[in-house]
Amino acid sequence: MNSEITAVRLMEMIQRGQKSFNRICVEDGVLIKVNLSNITFEESLFSVNFTDSDFENTSFINSNLKSCFFTNCIFTNAVLVGNSLDGAEFSGEKVDGMTFKYNISHSIVLTESHLAEMIL
């Protein structure tokens, strides 16, 4: 079972130095212009507006990123593997060195080509 936390609580935990999160749930949150670099999220659920946030060297593994907004975010050297991206919106991302594998949206396995189309 996922542990529900607020977006504010997540940021408090990160500011205290926590770098790894497993099975957390953050819904209806707004985390605009936040630094979420060098963090690992596994088997977690998010429904958050992450506009202008930094995910450099961050990993999302086997998570549900439903309906998240990733507008103008930095994903340099980030890892997105095995995630559900139903309803997630990407636009204007920096994705140099990003690993993008085994992600799905509406039962379709997404490729790097799909990612390129999504961020235009």
Protein backbone atom coordinates (compact mmCIF):
# COMPACT_ATOMS: atom_id res chain seq x y z
CA MET A 1 0.00 0.00 0.00
CA ASN A 2 1.24 3.49 -0.86
CA SER A 3 1.81 6.00 1.90
CA GLU A 4 -0.13 9.19 1.13
CA ILE A 5 1.77 12.41 1.70
CA THR A 6 1.21 15.99 0.62
CA ALA A 7 3.45 17.85 -1.79
CA VAL A 8 4.52 20.06 1.11
CA ARG A 9 5.49 17.02 3.20
CA LEU A 10 7.47 15.58 0.28
CA MET A 11 9.48 18.78 0.00
CA GLU A 12 10.13 18.80 3.76
CA MET A 13 11.49 15.26 3.56
CA ILE A 14 13.72 16.19 0.62
CA GLN A 15 14.99 19.30 2.39
CA ARG A 16 15.93 17.08 5.34
CA GLY A 17 18.09 15.03 2.98
CA GLN A 18 15.92 12.06 2.02
CA LYS A 19 16.90 10.94 -1.50
CA SER A 20 14.94 7.72 -1.94
CA PHE A 21 11.19 7.20 -1.81
CA ASN A 22 9.31 3.93 -2.18
CA ARG A 23 5.55 3.51 -2.50
CA ILE A 24 4.49 7.08 -1.79
CA CYS A 25 1.36 8.75 -3.13
CA VAL A 26 1.23 12.49 -3.83
CA GLU A 27 -2.00 13.60 -5.48
CA ASP A 28 -3.43 16.99 -6.37
CA GLY A 29 -0.16 18.71 -5.60
CA VAL A 30 1.64 21.68 -7.06
CA LEU A 31 5.45 21.60 -7.09
CA ILE A 32 6.40 24.40 -9.45
CA LYS A 33 10.06 25.43 -9.89
CA VAL A 34 11.34 22.88 -7.36
CA ASN A 35 14.65 21.04 -7.36
CA LEU A 36 13.98 17.31 -7.35
CA SER A 37 17.37 16.32 -8.74
CA ASN A 38 19.27 13.23 -7.59
CA ILE A 39 16.21 11.55 -6.08
CA THR A 40 14.80 8.07 -6.67
CA PHE A 41 11.07 7.34 -6.68
CA GLU A 42 10.04 3.68 -6.88
CA GLU A 43 6.55 2.22 -7.13
CA SER A 44 5.04 5.60 -6.33
CA LEU A 45 1.98 7.48 -7.53
CA PHE A 46 1.93 11.15 -8.51
CA SER A 47 -0.73 13.46 -9.87
CA VAL A 48 1.16 16.74 -9.60
CA ASN A 49 1.93 19.91 -11.53
CA PHE A 50 5.75 19.88 -11.78
CA THR A 51 6.07 22.88 -14.16
CA ASP A 52 9.62 24.31 -14.42
CA SER A 53 11.08 21.72 -12.02
CA ASP A 54 14.51 20.08 -12.10
CA PHE A 55 14.71 16.27 -12.31
CA GLU A 56 18.38 16.04 -13.28
CA ASN A 57 19.74 12.57 -12.35
CA THR A 58 16.34 11.64 -10.87
CA SER A 59 14.80 8.18 -11.30
CA PHE A 60 11.16 7.23 -11.58
CA ILE A 61 10.93 3.44 -11.53
CA ASN A 62 7.68 1.46 -11.89
CA SER A 63 5.61 4.46 -10.83
CA ASN A 64 2.31 5.98 -11.88
CA LEU A 65 2.71 9.55 -13.11
CA LYS A 66 -0.93 9.96 -14.09
CA SER A 67 -2.02 13.39 -15.15
CA CYS A 68 1.26 15.05 -14.14
CA PHE A 69 2.29 18.26 -15.85
CA PHE A 70 5.97 18.34 -16.83
CA THR A 71 6.22 21.68 -18.62
CA ASN A 72 9.72 23.11 -19.19
CA CYS A 73 11.31 20.61 -16.82
CA ILE A 74 14.91 19.44 -16.80
CA PHE A 75 15.32 15.67 -17.20
CA THR A 76 19.05 15.63 -18.01
CA ASN A 77 20.43 12.16 -17.21
CA ALA A 78 17.11 11.20 -15.60
CA VAL A 79 15.77 7.65 -15.66
CA LEU A 80 12.13 6.86 -16.43
CA VAL A 81 11.64 3.09 -16.54
CA GLY A 82 8.45 1.06 -16.28
CA ASN A 83 6.10 3.93 -15.50
CA SER A 84 2.46 4.56 -16.37
CA LEU A 85 2.18 7.96 -18.07
CA ASP A 86 -1.58 8.03 -18.73
CA GLY A 87 -2.62 11.65 -19.07
CA ALA A 88 0.86 13.00 -18.28
CA GLU A 89 1.80 16.08 -20.27
CA PHE A 90 5.34 16.84 -21.38
CA SER A 91 6.30 20.08 -23.10
CA GLY A 92 9.61 21.86 -23.58
CA GLU A 93 11.71 19.38 -21.62
CA LYS A 94 15.49 19.08 -21.63
CA VAL A 95 16.14 15.35 -21.96
CA ASP A 96 19.87 15.04 -22.76
CA GLY A 97 21.10 11.65 -21.56
CA MET A 98 17.65 10.57 -20.36
CA THR A 99 16.89 6.85 -20.11
CA PHE A 100 13.29 6.24 -21.22
CA LYS A 101 12.27 2.55 -21.35
CA TYR A 102 9.24 0.32 -20.80
CA ASN A 103 6.91 3.23 -20.03
CA ILE A 104 3.27 2.91 -21.02
CA SER A 105 0.36 5.20 -21.80
CA HIS A 106 -3.13 3.85 -22.45
CA SER A 107 -1.73 0.29 -22.95
CA ILE A 108 0.87 1.45 -25.50
CA VAL A 109 4.54 0.86 -24.75
CA LEU A 110 6.23 4.19 -25.36
CA THR A 111 9.52 4.61 -27.18
CA GLU A 112 11.98 7.47 -27.28
CA SER A 113 10.23 8.54 -30.50
CA HIS A 114 6.99 8.92 -28.57
CA LEU A 115 8.83 11.01 -25.98
CA ALA A 116 10.23 13.27 -28.71
CA GLU A 117 6.69 13.80 -30.04
CA MET A 118 5.35 14.54 -26.55
CA ILE A 119 7.87 17.25 -25.73
CA LEU A 120 7.46 19.32 -28.90
